[in-house]
Amino acid sequence: MAEENDSRRSDWRGIGAALLQIGAIFVPIALCMLVLANLSTHVPPQAIDAVRTGSIDRR
């Protein structure tokens, strides 16, 4: 019975270790994407191109 309990514990330890490794990879990527998205929404608008907007309006 003691062997059965040890195997269950080791299974959960392996799963926890795998989740930590996955989190260590994806959490920084997600944070960088959030920072980039935040920066892109706060960029001041550039000057409007009259030629480009005029051609779009004509369509």
Protein backbone atom coordinates (compact mmCIF):
# COMPACT_ATOMS: atom_id res chain seq x y z
CA MET A 1 0.00 0.00 0.00
CA ALA A 2 2.91 2.34 0.69
CA GLU A 3 4.18 1.79 -2.85
CA GLU A 4 0.79 2.79 -4.27
CA ASN A 5 0.84 6.12 -2.41
CA ASP A 6 4.37 6.89 -3.59
CA SER A 7 3.44 6.35 -7.23
CA ARG A 8 0.50 8.74 -6.95
CA ARG A 9 2.73 11.38 -5.39
CA SER A 10 5.37 11.00 -8.05
CA ASP A 11 2.71 11.27 -10.79
CA TRP A 12 1.52 14.60 -9.39
CA ARG A 13 5.09 15.81 -9.00
CA GLY A 14 5.79 15.02 -12.63
CA ILE A 15 2.62 16.78 -13.76
CA GLY A 16 3.43 19.80 -11.59
CA ALA A 17 6.97 19.97 -12.95
CA ALA A 18 5.68 19.81 -16.52
CA LEU A 19 3.17 22.60 -15.85
CA LEU A 20 5.90 24.75 -14.33
CA GLN A 21 8.10 24.26 -17.38
CA ILE A 22 5.25 25.12 -19.73
CA GLY A 23 4.43 28.19 -17.65
CA ALA A 24 8.08 29.26 -17.67
CA ILE A 25 7.95 29.26 -21.47
CA PHE A 26 4.56 30.82 -22.13
CA VAL A 27 4.15 33.36 -19.32
CA PRO A 28 7.01 35.62 -20.50
CA ILE A 29 5.74 35.39 -24.08
CA ALA A 30 2.23 36.38 -22.96
CA LEU A 31 3.60 39.29 -20.90
CA CYS A 32 5.64 40.55 -23.87
CA MET A 33 2.58 40.35 -26.10
CA LEU A 34 0.56 42.35 -23.56
CA VAL A 35 3.27 45.01 -23.37
CA LEU A 36 3.46 45.27 -27.16
CA ALA A 37 -0.31 45.48 -27.47
CA ASN A 38 -0.39 48.17 -24.81
CA LEU A 39 2.34 50.15 -26.57
CA SER A 40 0.62 49.90 -29.94
CA THR A 41 -2.63 51.32 -28.56
CA HIS A 42 -0.82 54.32 -27.06
CA VAL A 43 1.12 55.36 -30.17
CA PRO A 44 -0.07 58.82 -31.28
CA PRO A 45 -1.77 58.84 -34.67
CA GLN A 46 0.37 59.78 -37.63
CA ALA A 47 -0.51 62.47 -40.13
CA ILE A 48 -3.41 61.49 -42.38
CA ASP A 49 -2.40 60.81 -45.95
CA ALA A 50 -4.83 62.79 -48.13
CA VAL A 51 -4.09 60.77 -51.26
CA ARG A 52 -4.71 57.47 -49.57
CA THR A 53 -7.90 58.55 -47.79
CA GLY A 54 -9.19 60.21 -50.96
CA SER A 55 -8.73 57.05 -52.99
CA ILE A 56 -10.53 55.00 -50.34
CA ASP A 57 -13.42 57.48 -50.27
CA ARG A 58 -13.82 57.27 -54.07
CA ARG A 59 -14.26 53.50 -53.96
